[in-house]
Amino acid sequence: MKENEFSPIAKSSPESPVHQIHDRRPVLWNRTWIAGRWFLLVFLGCFVVCINICCFYLLIKYNPEDIFYGVLCMLLLNISCGGVLVGQARELVEDSKTVNDVPWWCYGCRSPSPLKLNSQ
């Protein structure tokens, strides 16, 4: 009897694509890409702040009676944007630990350079 390619035996064999995907090394970033991602992250944070200032100005100018609801909506959107930006910053700090010769500001505010820790 011919073995079905979707059988559990075929899925669990070491040559299956599932095992090959999980055996790959994680992406190693170049130091230029890490710095560029940090610049982009800072730019996105500044963009969110500028959008908030513009939206608050327009809200006060054209619809001051609904300022409570407008500020509440802005606050909820800022919480979600802040969560995304913080998640990206944490990922960048972790990615920068795998790269040599990354500028000091790529390691985050509180995490020291892993190369300095290894040399001591």
Protein backbone atom coordinates (compact mmCIF):
# COMPACT_ATOMS: atom_id res chain seq x y z
CA MET A 1 0.00 0.00 0.00
CA LYS A 2 1.36 3.39 -1.00
CA GLU A 3 1.89 5.77 1.92
CA ASN A 4 -0.22 8.92 1.79
CA GLU A 5 1.85 12.10 1.76
CA PHE A 6 -0.50 13.65 4.31
CA SER A 7 -0.24 10.79 6.79
CA PRO A 8 1.16 11.45 10.28
CA ILE A 9 4.25 9.41 9.41
CA ALA A 10 5.04 11.64 6.44
CA LYS A 11 4.44 14.78 8.51
CA SER A 12 6.79 13.73 11.28
CA SER A 13 9.71 12.66 9.12
CA PRO A 14 12.85 14.79 9.50
CA GLU A 15 12.90 15.53 5.77
CA SER A 16 9.45 17.12 5.84
CA PRO A 17 9.18 20.87 5.13
CA VAL A 18 7.83 21.46 8.64
CA HIS A 19 11.14 20.43 10.21
CA GLN A 20 13.14 22.35 7.63
CA ILE A 21 11.31 25.59 8.44
CA HIS A 22 11.92 25.30 12.17
CA ASP A 23 15.59 24.37 11.72
CA ARG A 24 16.42 27.64 9.95
CA ARG A 25 18.47 30.23 11.77
CA PRO A 26 16.71 33.46 12.70
CA VAL A 27 17.27 36.51 10.54
CA LEU A 28 20.52 38.29 11.36
CA TRP A 29 20.28 42.01 10.77
CA ASN A 30 23.02 44.27 9.49
CA ARG A 31 23.96 47.20 11.75
CA THR A 32 22.77 49.66 9.09
CA TRP A 33 19.34 48.04 9.05
CA ILE A 34 19.12 48.16 12.85
CA ALA A 35 19.96 51.88 12.87
CA GLY A 36 17.50 52.50 10.03
CA ARG A 37 14.75 50.66 11.88
CA TRP A 38 15.43 52.78 14.97
CA PHE A 39 15.25 55.99 12.91
CA LEU A 40 11.98 54.81 11.39
CA LEU A 41 10.59 53.97 14.83
CA VAL A 42 11.47 57.44 16.15
CA PHE A 43 9.95 59.01 13.04
CA LEU A 44 6.71 57.06 13.54
CA GLY A 45 6.57 58.18 17.18
CA CYS A 46 7.03 61.82 16.13
CA PHE A 47 4.41 61.37 13.42
CA VAL A 48 1.87 60.09 15.97
CA VAL A 49 2.59 63.09 18.22
CA CYS A 50 2.16 65.53 15.30
CA ILE A 51 -1.11 63.89 14.26
CA ASN A 52 -2.35 64.17 17.85
CA ILE A 53 -1.52 67.87 17.98
CA CYS A 54 -3.26 68.53 14.65
CA CYS A 55 -6.33 66.49 15.60
CA PHE A 56 -6.62 68.23 18.96
CA TYR A 57 -6.33 71.64 17.28
CA LEU A 58 -9.02 70.77 14.73
CA LEU A 59 -11.23 69.34 17.46
CA ILE A 60 -11.03 72.52 19.53
CA LYS A 61 -11.48 74.79 16.50
CA TYR A 62 -14.44 73.10 14.78
CA ASN A 63 -16.17 70.94 17.39
CA PRO A 64 -15.46 72.13 20.94
CA GLU A 65 -18.70 70.71 22.37
CA ASP A 66 -17.58 67.13 21.63
CA ILE A 67 -14.07 67.52 23.02
CA PHE A 68 -14.58 64.77 25.62
CA TYR A 69 -15.43 62.12 23.01
CA GLY A 70 -12.70 63.29 20.67
CA VAL A 71 -10.03 63.14 23.35
CA LEU A 72 -11.32 59.73 24.45
CA CYS A 73 -11.02 58.39 20.89
CA MET A 74 -7.55 59.90 20.56
CA LEU A 75 -6.52 58.31 23.86
CA LEU A 76 -7.69 54.85 22.77
CA LEU A 77 -5.86 55.16 19.46
CA ASN A 78 -2.71 56.38 21.23
CA ILE A 79 -2.76 53.38 23.55
CA SER A 80 -2.91 51.01 20.57
CA CYS A 81 -0.20 52.92 18.66
CA GLY A 82 1.96 53.04 21.77
CA GLY A 83 1.62 49.29 22.21
CA VAL A 84 2.77 48.68 18.66
CA LEU A 85 5.71 51.08 18.98
CA VAL A 86 6.81 49.57 22.30
CA GLY A 87 6.59 46.08 20.82
CA GLN A 88 8.73 47.14 17.88
CA ALA A 89 11.25 48.79 20.21
CA ARG A 90 11.57 45.60 22.27
CA GLU A 91 12.05 43.56 19.12
CA LEU A 92 14.73 45.98 17.93
CA VAL A 93 16.59 45.76 21.23
CA GLU A 94 16.58 41.96 20.93
CA ASP A 95 17.69 42.11 17.28
CA SER A 96 20.50 44.56 18.07
CA LYS A 97 22.01 42.10 20.55
CA THR A 98 22.91 39.77 17.68
CA VAL A 99 24.81 42.37 15.62
CA ASN A 100 28.38 43.58 16.11
CA ASP A 101 29.35 47.28 16.07
CA VAL A 102 25.85 48.64 16.59
CA PRO A 103 25.70 52.24 17.91
CA TRP A 104 25.10 52.56 21.65
CA TRP A 105 21.61 54.01 21.24
CA CYS A 106 20.41 50.88 19.42
CA TYR A 107 20.55 48.83 22.61
CA GLY A 108 17.78 50.77 24.33
CA CYS A 109 17.90 53.09 27.30
CA ARG A 110 18.51 50.51 30.02
CA SER A 111 20.18 47.55 28.37
CA PRO A 112 24.00 47.70 28.15
CA SER A 113 25.88 46.51 25.12
CA PRO A 114 26.24 42.71 25.18
CA LEU A 115 29.77 43.05 23.77
CA LYS A 116 30.81 45.19 26.74
CA LEU A 117 29.36 42.63 29.12
CA ASN A 118 31.28 39.80 27.44
CA SER A 119 34.60 41.66 27.47
CA GLN A 120 34.53 42.31 31.23
